[in-house]
Amino acid sequence: EHKTLVMENAGAEKKMAFADYASVVEALARFASIPLDGIETEKPFSPELWKWEIDLFERHVLSGRYATEMPAAAAEEFSKIALLLESEPKGLVHRDFQSTNILWKGGSFKFIDFQAMRPGPAVYDLASLLYDPYASLAADDRDALAKMYAAKCGREGMTRILPYAAVQRLAQCAGAYGRLSAAGKTEFERFMQPALENMLAVTDICHEF
């Protein structure tokens, strides 16, 4: 009886309203603040996991899809992103916080699909939602929601980290789409372009790189 968040890029009839996104962002901020003690999760984010995500992108997108190699300068910048995210405070991270993992019924919603949940930088989940390849958001709406989330968490500086977290997350998404498509799950092919377009757009606001 539940439905997932509306997916514009998947040919849905309408977009989710900004007010709905605002409600989800507020709930996500509460989720990230849940004490980690006593919660069973996967191993925390680590330098090895950040590298695994980028290796996935290199193997299944750059090499497998476009027959090219990761430029050395890009690899260095991905390493800097990993260091930046590792320096963030640890909170509870869903790790796959995108539109299809938010179920709606009437005006209420629930989060699902927690098997990858682990301690890590909360901004990763925010990036997953705001730059979701399954559902498009206007830049102004992204900015407003990011500021709302940061205020809710009491960390105004989080908005500076968000673009870098989005680059990392979108690399992971694109890598996963490439791997799944190559394995015969061709329904993921249509999300590759939105993922890469979002990555290109967000790199424009990564002013340090």
N, C-alpha and C. Protein backbone atom coordinates (compact mmCIF):
# COMPACT_ATOMS: atom_id res chain seq x y z
N GLU A 1 0.81 -1.20 0.00
CA GLU A 1 0.00 0.00 0.00
C GLU A 1 0.85 1.26 0.00
N HIS A 2 2.12 1.13 0.28
CA HIS A 2 3.01 2.29 0.28
C HIS A 2 3.56 2.54 -1.11
N LYS A 3 3.90 3.78 -1.37
CA LYS A 3 4.54 4.16 -2.62
C LYS A 3 5.86 4.85 -2.33
N THR A 4 6.80 4.70 -3.25
CA THR A 4 8.07 5.40 -3.07
C THR A 4 7.94 6.85 -3.49
N LEU A 5 8.93 7.65 -3.06
CA LEU A 5 9.01 9.03 -3.48
C LEU A 5 8.97 9.11 -5.00
N VAL A 6 8.26 10.09 -5.52
CA VAL A 6 8.09 10.21 -6.97
C VAL A 6 9.44 10.43 -7.66
N MET A 7 9.68 9.73 -8.77
CA MET A 7 10.96 9.79 -9.46
C MET A 7 10.77 10.45 -10.82
N GLU A 8 11.15 11.70 -10.95
CA GLU A 8 10.97 12.42 -12.21
C GLU A 8 11.80 11.79 -13.33
N ASN A 9 13.03 11.42 -13.02
CA ASN A 9 13.90 10.87 -14.04
C ASN A 9 13.48 9.48 -14.49
N ALA A 10 12.63 8.84 -13.73
CA ALA A 10 12.17 7.50 -14.11
C ALA A 10 10.83 7.56 -14.85
N GLY A 11 10.43 8.79 -15.26
CA GLY A 11 9.19 8.92 -16.02
C GLY A 11 7.96 9.04 -15.14
N ALA A 12 8.12 9.51 -13.91
CA ALA A 12 6.99 9.64 -13.01
C ALA A 12 6.09 10.80 -13.45
N GLU A 13 4.87 10.83 -12.95
CA GLU A 13 3.90 11.82 -13.37
C GLU A 13 4.15 13.19 -12.74
N LYS A 14 4.71 13.24 -11.54
CA LYS A 14 4.92 14.51 -10.88
C LYS A 14 6.10 14.41 -9.92
N LYS A 15 6.59 15.56 -9.50
CA LYS A 15 7.70 15.61 -8.55
C LYS A 15 7.17 15.67 -7.12
N MET A 16 7.97 15.23 -6.17
CA MET A 16 7.62 15.40 -4.77
C MET A 16 7.73 16.88 -4.42
N ALA A 17 6.78 17.37 -3.65
CA ALA A 17 6.75 18.78 -3.29
C ALA A 17 7.91 19.14 -2.36
N PHE A 18 8.30 20.42 -2.41
CA PHE A 18 9.39 20.89 -1.55
C PHE A 18 9.06 20.63 -0.08
N ALA A 19 7.81 20.83 0.31
CA ALA A 19 7.43 20.62 1.71
C ALA A 19 7.65 19.18 2.13
N ASP A 20 7.46 18.23 1.21
CA ASP A 20 7.72 16.82 1.52
C ASP A 20 9.21 16.59 1.72
N TYR A 21 10.02 17.19 0.84
CA TYR A 21 11.47 17.08 1.02
C TYR A 21 11.90 17.67 2.36
N ALA A 22 11.31 18.79 2.73
CA ALA A 22 11.65 19.44 4.00
C ALA A 22 11.36 18.51 5.17
N SER A 23 10.24 17.81 5.12
CA SER A 23 9.90 16.86 6.18
C SER A 23 10.91 15.72 6.25
N VAL A 24 11.32 15.22 5.07
CA VAL A 24 12.30 14.14 5.02
C VAL A 24 13.65 14.60 5.58
N VAL A 25 14.06 15.81 5.20
CA VAL A 25 15.34 16.35 5.67
C VAL A 25 15.35 16.50 7.19
N GLU A 26 14.25 16.96 7.75
CA GLU A 26 14.17 17.09 9.21
C GLU A 26 14.26 15.72 9.87
N ALA A 27 13.58 14.72 9.31
CA ALA A 27 13.65 13.37 9.86
C ALA A 27 15.06 12.78 9.71
N LEU A 28 15.71 13.08 8.59
CA LEU A 28 17.08 12.59 8.39
C LEU A 28 18.03 13.17 9.42
N ALA A 29 17.86 14.44 9.76
CA ALA A 29 18.69 15.06 10.78
C ALA A 29 18.49 14.37 12.13
N ARG A 30 17.27 14.00 12.44
CA ARG A 30 17.01 13.27 13.70
C ARG A 30 17.64 11.89 13.65
N PHE A 31 17.53 11.25 12.50
CA PHE A 31 18.12 9.91 12.33
C PHE A 31 19.62 9.94 12.58
N ALA A 32 20.31 10.94 12.02
CA ALA A 32 21.76 11.03 12.16
C ALA A 32 22.19 11.26 13.61
N SER A 33 21.29 11.80 14.42
CA SER A 33 21.63 12.11 15.81
C SER A 33 21.35 10.96 16.78
N ILE A 34 20.81 9.84 16.27
CA ILE A 34 20.54 8.69 17.15
C ILE A 34 21.86 8.19 17.73
N PRO A 35 21.96 7.99 19.05
CA PRO A 35 23.21 7.50 19.64
C PRO A 35 23.63 6.16 19.03
N LEU A 36 24.91 6.04 18.78
CA LEU A 36 25.42 4.83 18.13
C LEU A 36 25.55 3.65 19.10
N ASP A 37 25.62 3.93 20.39
CA ASP A 37 25.79 2.86 21.38
C ASP A 37 24.63 1.87 21.32
N GLY A 38 24.97 0.59 21.19
CA GLY A 38 23.97 -0.46 21.22
C GLY A 38 23.29 -0.73 19.91
N ILE A 39 23.64 0.01 18.85
CA ILE A 39 23.03 -0.23 17.53
C ILE A 39 23.95 -1.12 16.71
N GLU A 40 23.40 -2.18 16.17
CA GLU A 40 24.20 -3.09 15.33
C GLU A 40 24.27 -2.54 13.92
N THR A 41 25.47 -2.28 13.45
CA THR A 41 25.66 -1.71 12.11
C THR A 41 26.80 -2.43 11.40
N GLU A 42 26.99 -2.09 10.14
CA GLU A 42 28.18 -2.51 9.43
C GLU A 42 29.39 -1.73 9.97
N LYS A 43 30.58 -2.10 9.53
CA LYS A 43 31.79 -1.40 9.98
C LYS A 43 31.73 0.06 9.54
N PRO A 44 32.33 0.96 10.34
CA PRO A 44 32.25 2.39 10.01
C PRO A 44 32.90 2.70 8.66
N PHE A 45 32.51 3.84 8.09
CA PHE A 45 33.25 4.37 6.95
C PHE A 45 34.72 4.46 7.33
N SER A 46 35.58 4.26 6.35
CA SER A 46 37.02 4.23 6.59
C SER A 46 37.72 4.62 5.30
N PRO A 47 39.02 4.92 5.37
CA PRO A 47 39.75 5.20 4.12
C PRO A 47 39.62 4.08 3.09
N GLU A 48 39.57 2.85 3.57
CA GLU A 48 39.45 1.71 2.65
C GLU A 48 38.10 1.70 1.95
N LEU A 49 37.04 2.08 2.67
CA LEU A 49 35.71 2.09 2.06
C LEU A 49 35.57 3.24 1.07
N TRP A 50 36.11 4.41 1.41
CA TRP A 50 36.08 5.52 0.44
C TRP A 50 36.79 5.12 -0.84
N LYS A 51 37.93 4.45 -0.71
CA LYS A 51 38.69 4.03 -1.89
C LYS A 51 37.92 2.97 -2.67
N TRP A 52 37.25 2.07 -1.96
CA TRP A 52 36.47 1.03 -2.64
C TRP A 52 35.39 1.66 -3.51
N GLU A 53 34.73 2.71 -3.02
CA GLU A 53 33.70 3.38 -3.81
C GLU A 53 34.28 3.98 -5.08
N ILE A 54 35.44 4.60 -4.97
CA ILE A 54 36.05 5.22 -6.15
C ILE A 54 36.59 4.15 -7.10
N ASP A 55 37.11 3.06 -6.56
CA ASP A 55 37.55 1.95 -7.41
C ASP A 55 36.37 1.39 -8.21
N LEU A 56 35.19 1.34 -7.59
CA LEU A 56 33.98 0.88 -8.26
C LEU A 56 33.67 1.78 -9.46
N PHE A 57 33.79 3.09 -9.25
CA PHE A 57 33.56 4.06 -10.31
C PHE A 57 34.59 3.90 -11.43
N GLU A 58 35.84 3.74 -11.05
CA GLU A 58 36.90 3.61 -12.06
C GLU A 58 36.73 2.33 -12.87
N ARG A 59 36.38 1.23 -12.18
CA ARG A 59 36.31 -0.07 -12.85
C ARG A 59 35.08 -0.19 -13.75
N HIS A 60 33.92 0.30 -13.28
CA HIS A 60 32.67 0.03 -14.01
C HIS A 60 32.16 1.23 -14.81
N VAL A 61 32.78 2.39 -14.65
CA VAL A 61 32.39 3.54 -15.45
C VAL A 61 33.54 3.97 -16.36
N LEU A 62 34.63 4.41 -15.76
CA LEU A 62 35.74 4.91 -16.58
C LEU A 62 36.31 3.81 -17.47
N SER A 63 36.66 2.69 -16.86
CA SER A 63 37.28 1.61 -17.62
C SER A 63 36.23 0.78 -18.37
N GLY A 64 35.26 0.26 -17.64
CA GLY A 64 34.30 -0.66 -18.24
C GLY A 64 33.37 -0.03 -19.25
N ARG A 65 33.02 1.25 -19.05
CA ARG A 65 32.05 1.90 -19.93
C ARG A 65 32.71 2.78 -20.98
N TYR A 66 33.76 3.50 -20.59
CA TYR A 66 34.36 4.48 -21.49
C TYR A 66 35.80 4.14 -21.90
N ALA A 67 36.28 2.99 -21.47
CA ALA A 67 37.61 2.50 -21.87
C ALA A 67 38.69 3.56 -21.65
N THR A 68 38.66 4.19 -20.48
CA THR A 68 39.66 5.19 -20.15
C THR A 68 40.16 4.94 -18.73
N GLU A 69 41.20 5.67 -18.34
CA GLU A 69 41.78 5.52 -17.01
C GLU A 69 41.50 6.76 -16.17
N MET A 70 41.55 6.57 -14.87
CA MET A 70 41.40 7.69 -13.96
C MET A 70 42.59 8.64 -14.10
N PRO A 71 42.39 9.91 -14.45
CA PRO A 71 43.51 10.85 -14.48
C PRO A 71 44.14 10.97 -13.10
N ALA A 72 45.44 11.13 -13.07
CA ALA A 72 46.15 11.21 -11.78
C ALA A 72 45.64 12.36 -10.93
N ALA A 73 45.35 13.50 -11.57
CA ALA A 73 44.87 14.66 -10.81
C ALA A 73 43.51 14.37 -10.18
N ALA A 74 42.65 13.66 -10.90
CA ALA A 74 41.33 13.31 -10.36
C ALA A 74 41.47 12.34 -9.20
N ALA A 75 42.36 11.35 -9.34
CA ALA A 75 42.59 10.40 -8.25
C ALA A 75 43.07 11.11 -6.99
N GLU A 76 43.92 12.10 -7.17
CA GLU A 76 44.41 12.87 -6.03
C GLU A 76 43.28 13.64 -5.36
N GLU A 77 42.37 14.19 -6.16
CA GLU A 77 41.26 14.94 -5.59
C GLU A 77 40.28 14.02 -4.87
N PHE A 78 40.05 12.83 -5.41
CA PHE A 78 39.22 11.87 -4.69
C PHE A 78 39.85 11.50 -3.34
N SER A 79 41.17 11.41 -3.30
CA SER A 79 41.85 11.13 -2.03
C SER A 79 41.64 12.26 -1.03
N LYS A 80 41.63 13.49 -1.54
CA LYS A 80 41.40 14.64 -0.66
C LYS A 80 39.97 14.65 -0.14
N ILE A 81 39.03 14.24 -0.98
CA ILE A 81 37.64 14.13 -0.53
C ILE A 81 37.52 13.11 0.60
N ALA A 82 38.20 11.98 0.45
CA ALA A 82 38.17 10.95 1.49
C ALA A 82 38.70 11.50 2.81
N LEU A 83 39.79 12.25 2.76
CA LEU A 83 40.35 12.84 3.98
C LEU A 83 39.37 13.84 4.60
N LEU A 84 38.73 14.63 3.75
CA LEU A 84 37.76 15.60 4.24
C LEU A 84 36.59 14.91 4.93
N LEU A 85 36.07 13.86 4.32
CA LEU A 85 34.92 13.16 4.90
C LEU A 85 35.32 12.38 6.15
N GLU A 86 36.53 11.86 6.18
CA GLU A 86 37.01 11.16 7.37
C GLU A 86 37.14 12.10 8.57
N SER A 87 37.37 13.38 8.31
CA SER A 87 37.53 14.34 9.39
C SER A 87 36.19 14.81 9.96
N GLU A 88 35.09 14.45 9.31
CA GLU A 88 33.77 14.84 9.78
C GLU A 88 33.36 14.05 11.03
N PRO A 89 32.55 14.66 11.90
CA PRO A 89 32.03 13.92 13.06
C PRO A 89 31.25 12.69 12.62
N LYS A 90 31.34 11.62 13.39
CA LYS A 90 30.65 10.38 13.06
C LYS A 90 29.23 10.39 13.62
N GLY A 91 28.29 10.01 12.77
CA GLY A 91 26.90 9.83 13.17
C GLY A 91 26.36 8.58 12.51
N LEU A 92 25.07 8.34 12.67
CA LEU A 92 24.45 7.18 12.05
C LEU A 92 24.14 7.49 10.59
N VAL A 93 24.67 6.68 9.68
CA VAL A 93 24.51 6.90 8.25
C VAL A 93 23.76 5.73 7.63
N HIS A 94 22.72 6.03 6.89
CA HIS A 94 21.94 5.00 6.20
C HIS A 94 22.77 4.35 5.10
N ARG A 95 23.48 5.15 4.35
CA ARG A 95 24.41 4.84 3.27
C ARG A 95 23.76 4.62 1.91
N ASP A 96 22.45 4.47 1.84
CA ASP A 96 21.78 4.42 0.54
C ASP A 96 20.50 5.24 0.61
N PHE A 97 20.65 6.48 1.06
CA PHE A 97 19.49 7.31 1.35
C PHE A 97 19.02 8.04 0.09
N GLN A 98 18.34 7.29 -0.77
CA GLN A 98 17.81 7.85 -2.00
C GLN A 98 16.30 7.61 -2.06
N SER A 99 15.68 8.19 -3.08
CA SER A 99 14.23 8.28 -3.12
C SER A 99 13.50 6.95 -3.00
N THR A 100 14.04 5.89 -3.60
CA THR A 100 13.33 4.62 -3.57
C THR A 100 13.36 3.96 -2.20
N ASN A 101 14.14 4.50 -1.28
CA ASN A 101 14.17 3.97 0.08
C ASN A 101 13.40 4.83 1.06
N ILE A 102 12.49 5.66 0.52
CA ILE A 102 11.57 6.44 1.33
C ILE A 102 10.17 6.05 0.88
N LEU A 103 9.41 5.39 1.74
CA LEU A 103 8.07 4.92 1.39
C LEU A 103 7.02 5.88 1.95
N TRP A 104 6.06 6.21 1.09
CA TRP A 104 5.01 7.16 1.45
C TRP A 104 3.65 6.47 1.50
N LYS A 105 2.83 6.90 2.44
CA LYS A 105 1.42 6.48 2.50
C LYS A 105 0.64 7.66 3.01
N GLY A 106 -0.20 8.21 2.14
CA GLY A 106 -0.87 9.44 2.51
C GLY A 106 0.17 10.54 2.65
N GLY A 107 0.16 11.21 3.77
CA GLY A 107 1.13 12.28 3.99
C GLY A 107 2.29 11.89 4.86
N SER A 108 2.42 10.61 5.19
CA SER A 108 3.51 10.15 6.07
C SER A 108 4.47 9.27 5.32
N PHE A 109 5.65 9.07 5.88
CA PHE A 109 6.69 8.30 5.20
C PHE A 109 7.49 7.48 6.20
N LYS A 110 8.17 6.49 5.68
CA LYS A 110 9.09 5.68 6.47
C LYS A 110 10.35 5.43 5.65
N PHE A 111 11.49 5.27 6.34
CA PHE A 111 12.74 4.90 5.69
C PHE A 111 12.85 3.38 5.69
N ILE A 112 13.42 2.83 4.62
CA ILE A 112 13.63 1.38 4.53
C ILE A 112 15.06 1.10 4.08
N ASP A 113 15.42 -0.19 4.05
CA ASP A 113 16.67 -0.68 3.44
C ASP A 113 17.89 -0.25 4.25
N PHE A 114 17.99 -0.79 5.46
CA PHE A 114 19.04 -0.36 6.39
C PHE A 114 20.26 -1.28 6.43
N GLN A 115 20.38 -2.23 5.51
CA GLN A 115 21.44 -3.23 5.67
C GLN A 115 22.84 -2.66 5.55
N ALA A 116 23.01 -1.49 4.93
CA ALA A 116 24.34 -0.89 4.81
C ALA A 116 24.60 0.19 5.86
N MET A 117 23.69 0.35 6.81
CA MET A 117 23.81 1.39 7.84
C MET A 117 25.10 1.23 8.64
N ARG A 118 25.74 2.38 8.94
CA ARG A 118 27.02 2.34 9.65
C ARG A 118 27.37 3.74 10.18
N PRO A 119 28.32 3.82 11.11
CA PRO A 119 28.82 5.13 11.54
C PRO A 119 29.59 5.81 10.41
N GLY A 120 29.40 7.11 10.29
CA GLY A 120 30.11 7.86 9.26
C GLY A 120 29.67 9.31 9.26
N PRO A 121 30.07 10.07 8.25
CA PRO A 121 29.71 11.48 8.16
C PRO A 121 28.26 11.64 7.69
N ALA A 122 27.44 12.30 8.49
CA ALA A 122 26.02 12.43 8.17
C ALA A 122 25.80 13.13 6.84
N VAL A 123 26.73 13.98 6.44
CA VAL A 123 26.57 14.72 5.19
C VAL A 123 26.48 13.78 3.98
N TYR A 124 26.98 12.57 4.10
CA TYR A 124 26.90 11.60 3.01
C TYR A 124 25.44 11.28 2.67
N ASP A 125 24.61 11.06 3.72
CA ASP A 125 23.20 10.80 3.48
C ASP A 125 22.49 12.00 2.88
N LEU A 126 22.83 13.20 3.36
CA LEU A 126 22.22 14.40 2.81
C LEU A 126 22.56 14.54 1.33
N ALA A 127 23.81 14.29 0.97
CA ALA A 127 24.22 14.33 -0.44
C ALA A 127 23.46 13.28 -1.25
N SER A 128 23.26 12.11 -0.67
CA SER A 128 22.53 11.04 -1.37
C SER A 128 21.13 11.49 -1.74
N LEU A 129 20.48 12.21 -0.84
CA LEU A 129 19.12 12.66 -1.08
C LEU A 129 19.06 13.83 -2.06
N LEU A 130 19.89 14.84 -1.83
CA LEU A 130 19.77 16.07 -2.60
C LEU A 130 20.30 15.94 -4.03
N TYR A 131 21.21 14.98 -4.25
CA TYR A 131 21.77 14.77 -5.59
C TYR A 131 21.38 13.39 -6.14
N ASP A 132 20.25 12.89 -5.70
CA ASP A 132 19.74 11.59 -6.10
C ASP A 132 19.51 11.51 -7.61
N PRO A 133 20.17 10.59 -8.32
CA PRO A 133 19.93 10.46 -9.77
C PRO A 133 18.52 10.01 -10.11
N TYR A 134 17.78 9.45 -9.14
CA TYR A 134 16.42 9.00 -9.41
C TYR A 134 15.40 10.13 -9.40
N ALA A 135 15.74 11.27 -8.81
CA ALA A 135 14.76 12.35 -8.65
C ALA A 135 15.48 13.69 -8.73
N SER A 136 15.06 14.57 -9.63
CA SER A 136 15.77 15.82 -9.81
C SER A 136 15.26 16.90 -8.86
N LEU A 137 16.16 17.78 -8.45
CA LEU A 137 15.86 18.91 -7.59
C LEU A 137 16.47 20.16 -8.20
N ALA A 138 15.76 21.27 -8.10
CA ALA A 138 16.32 22.54 -8.55
C ALA A 138 17.44 22.97 -7.61
N ALA A 139 18.43 23.69 -8.13
CA ALA A 139 19.57 24.11 -7.33
C ALA A 139 19.14 24.94 -6.13
N ASP A 140 18.17 25.82 -6.32
CA ASP A 140 17.70 26.66 -5.20
C ASP A 140 17.07 25.80 -4.11
N ASP A 141 16.34 24.77 -4.49
CA ASP A 141 15.74 23.88 -3.50
C ASP A 141 16.82 23.11 -2.76
N ARG A 142 17.83 22.64 -3.48
CA ARG A 142 18.94 21.95 -2.82
C ARG A 142 19.58 22.84 -1.77
N ASP A 143 19.86 24.08 -2.14
CA ASP A 143 20.51 25.01 -1.22
C ASP A 143 19.65 25.24 0.02
N ALA A 144 18.36 25.44 -0.18
CA ALA A 144 17.47 25.69 0.94
C ALA A 144 17.39 24.49 1.87
N LEU A 145 17.29 23.30 1.30
CA LEU A 145 17.21 22.08 2.11
C LEU A 145 18.51 21.81 2.84
N ALA A 146 19.65 22.09 2.19
CA ALA A 146 20.94 21.90 2.85
C ALA A 146 21.08 22.83 4.04
N LYS A 147 20.68 24.08 3.88
CA LYS A 147 20.75 25.03 4.99
C LYS A 147 19.80 24.63 6.12
N MET A 148 18.64 24.13 5.76
CA MET A 148 17.68 23.66 6.76
C MET A 148 18.27 22.51 7.58
N TYR A 149 18.90 21.56 6.87
CA TYR A 149 19.50 20.41 7.54
C TYR A 149 20.63 20.85 8.46
N ALA A 150 21.50 21.74 7.95
CA ALA A 150 22.64 22.21 8.75
C ALA A 150 22.17 22.93 10.01
N ALA A 151 21.12 23.74 9.88
CA ALA A 151 20.59 24.44 11.04
C ALA A 151 20.00 23.46 12.05
N LYS A 152 19.34 22.43 11.54
CA LYS A 152 18.75 21.43 12.42
C LYS A 152 19.84 20.68 13.20
N CYS A 153 20.97 20.47 12.56
CA CYS A 153 22.10 19.77 13.19
C CYS A 153 22.99 20.70 14.00
N GLY A 154 22.80 22.02 13.85
CA GLY A 154 23.67 22.97 14.53
C GLY A 154 25.05 23.02 13.93
N ARG A 155 25.17 22.72 12.62
CA ARG A 155 26.47 22.72 11.95
C ARG A 155 26.35 23.47 10.63
N GLU A 156 26.39 24.79 10.71
CA GLU A 156 26.24 25.61 9.51
C GLU A 156 27.33 25.31 8.48
N GLY A 157 28.53 24.94 8.94
CA GLY A 157 29.64 24.67 8.03
C GLY A 157 29.46 23.42 7.20
N MET A 158 28.44 22.62 7.51
CA MET A 158 28.22 21.38 6.77
C MET A 158 27.92 21.66 5.30
N THR A 159 27.32 22.81 5.00
CA THR A 159 26.98 23.11 3.60
C THR A 159 28.23 23.22 2.73
N ARG A 160 29.37 23.57 3.34
CA ARG A 160 30.62 23.65 2.57
C ARG A 160 31.11 22.25 2.20
N ILE A 161 30.82 21.26 3.05
CA ILE A 161 31.28 19.90 2.83
C ILE A 161 30.37 19.18 1.83
N LEU A 162 29.11 19.61 1.74
CA LEU A 162 28.11 18.88 0.96
C LEU A 162 28.53 18.61 -0.49
N PRO A 163 29.06 19.57 -1.25
CA PRO A 163 29.41 19.26 -2.65
C PRO A 163 30.44 18.15 -2.78
N TYR A 164 31.39 18.09 -1.86
CA TYR A 164 32.43 17.07 -1.92
C TYR A 164 31.84 15.69 -1.57
N ALA A 165 30.94 15.67 -0.59
CA ALA A 165 30.25 14.42 -0.27
C ALA A 165 29.41 13.95 -1.45
N ALA A 166 28.82 14.91 -2.18
CA ALA A 166 28.01 14.55 -3.35
C ALA A 166 28.85 13.95 -4.46
N VAL A 167 30.05 14.49 -4.69
CA VAL A 167 30.95 13.90 -5.70
C VAL A 167 31.26 12.45 -5.33
N GLN A 168 31.58 12.21 -4.06
CA GLN A 168 31.89 10.86 -3.60
C GLN A 168 30.69 9.93 -3.79
N ARG A 169 29.54 10.38 -3.34
CA ARG A 169 28.34 9.55 -3.42
C ARG A 169 27.95 9.26 -4.88
N LEU A 170 28.04 10.26 -5.74
CA LEU A 170 27.66 10.06 -7.14
C LEU A 170 28.63 9.14 -7.86
N ALA A 171 29.90 9.17 -7.47
CA ALA A 171 30.85 8.20 -8.03
C ALA A 171 30.44 6.79 -7.65
N GLN A 172 30.02 6.63 -6.39
CA GLN A 172 29.57 5.32 -5.93
C GLN A 172 28.31 4.88 -6.70
N CYS A 173 27.35 5.82 -6.86
CA CYS A 173 26.12 5.50 -7.58
C CYS A 173 26.42 5.07 -9.02
N ALA A 174 27.21 5.87 -9.72
CA ALA A 174 27.52 5.55 -11.11
C ALA A 174 28.24 4.21 -11.22
N GLY A 175 29.17 3.96 -10.30
CA GLY A 175 29.86 2.68 -10.29
C GLY A 175 28.90 1.52 -10.10
N ALA A 176 27.94 1.69 -9.19
CA ALA A 176 26.95 0.64 -8.95
C ALA A 176 26.06 0.43 -10.17
N TYR A 177 25.63 1.53 -10.82
CA TYR A 177 24.81 1.39 -12.02
C TYR A 177 25.57 0.66 -13.12
N GLY A 178 26.86 0.99 -13.27
CA GLY A 178 27.67 0.33 -14.28
C GLY A 178 27.82 -1.15 -14.02
N ARG A 179 28.06 -1.48 -12.76
CA ARG A 179 28.22 -2.89 -12.39
C ARG A 179 26.92 -3.66 -12.60
N LEU A 180 25.80 -3.09 -12.16
CA LEU A 180 24.50 -3.77 -12.29
C LEU A 180 24.09 -3.91 -13.75
N SER A 181 24.33 -2.87 -14.55
CA SER A 181 24.00 -2.93 -15.98
C SER A 181 24.80 -4.02 -16.68
N ALA A 182 26.10 -4.08 -16.35
CA ALA A 182 26.96 -5.09 -16.97
C ALA A 182 26.55 -6.51 -16.57
N ALA A 183 25.90 -6.62 -15.39
CA ALA A 183 25.46 -7.93 -14.92
C ALA A 183 24.08 -8.31 -15.45
N GLY A 184 23.53 -7.47 -16.35
CA GLY A 184 22.26 -7.80 -16.97
C GLY A 184 21.06 -7.04 -16.44
N LYS A 185 21.26 -6.23 -15.40
CA LYS A 185 20.16 -5.45 -14.84
C LYS A 185 20.10 -4.10 -15.58
N THR A 186 19.63 -4.15 -16.80
CA THR A 186 19.71 -2.99 -17.69
C THR A 186 18.78 -1.85 -17.29
N GLU A 187 17.86 -2.09 -16.34
CA GLU A 187 16.99 -1.01 -15.90
C GLU A 187 17.77 0.12 -15.21
N PHE A 188 18.99 -0.20 -14.75
CA PHE A 188 19.80 0.83 -14.10
C PHE A 188 20.54 1.71 -15.10
N GLU A 189 20.53 1.30 -16.36
CA GLU A 189 21.25 2.05 -17.39
C GLU A 189 20.72 3.48 -17.52
N ARG A 190 19.42 3.66 -17.37
CA ARG A 190 18.84 4.99 -17.60
C ARG A 190 19.22 6.00 -16.52
N PHE A 191 19.77 5.52 -15.39
CA PHE A 191 20.14 6.45 -14.32
C PHE A 191 21.61 6.87 -14.39
N MET A 192 22.35 6.27 -15.32
CA MET A 192 23.77 6.62 -15.44
C MET A 192 23.94 8.08 -15.84
N GLN A 193 23.21 8.51 -16.87
CA GLN A 193 23.37 9.89 -17.32
C GLN A 193 22.99 10.90 -16.25
N PRO A 194 21.84 10.75 -15.55
CA PRO A 194 21.54 11.68 -14.46
C PRO A 194 22.63 11.71 -13.38
N ALA A 195 23.20 10.55 -13.07
CA ALA A 195 24.26 10.51 -12.06
C ALA A 195 25.48 11.30 -12.51
N LEU A 196 25.89 11.11 -13.77
CA LEU A 196 27.07 11.81 -14.28
C LEU A 196 26.79 13.30 -14.46
N GLU A 197 25.57 13.65 -14.87
CA GLU A 197 25.22 15.06 -14.99
C GLU A 197 25.23 15.75 -13.62
N ASN A 198 24.71 15.06 -12.61
CA ASN A 198 24.74 15.62 -11.25
C ASN A 198 26.18 15.79 -10.77
N MET A 199 27.04 14.82 -11.10
CA MET A 199 28.44 14.92 -10.69
C MET A 199 29.12 16.12 -11.36
N LEU A 200 28.88 16.30 -12.65
CA LEU A 200 29.46 17.45 -13.35
C LEU A 200 28.97 18.76 -12.76
N ALA A 201 27.68 18.82 -12.45
CA ALA A 201 27.12 20.05 -11.89
C ALA A 201 27.71 20.37 -10.52
N VAL A 202 27.86 19.35 -9.70
CA VAL A 202 28.32 19.62 -8.33
C VAL A 202 29.82 19.94 -8.29
N THR A 203 30.58 19.42 -9.25
CA THR A 203 32.00 19.76 -9.26
C THR A 203 32.21 21.26 -9.51
N ASP A 204 31.23 21.91 -10.15
CA ASP A 204 31.34 23.35 -10.39
C ASP A 204 31.33 24.16 -9.10
N ILE A 205 30.81 23.58 -8.02
CA ILE A 205 30.79 24.31 -6.75
C ILE A 205 31.78 23.74 -5.74
N CYS A 206 32.62 22.83 -6.18
CA CYS A 206 33.75 22.37 -5.35
C CYS A 206 34.92 23.31 -5.62
N HIS A 207 34.88 24.48 -5.05
CA HIS A 207 35.79 25.56 -5.44
C HIS A 207 37.25 25.28 -5.08
N GLU A 208 37.49 24.35 -4.15
CA GLU A 208 38.87 24.09 -3.74
C GLU A 208 39.60 23.20 -4.74
N PHE A 209 38.87 22.60 -5.67
CA PHE A 209 39.47 21.65 -6.61
C PHE A 209 39.44 22.23 -8.02
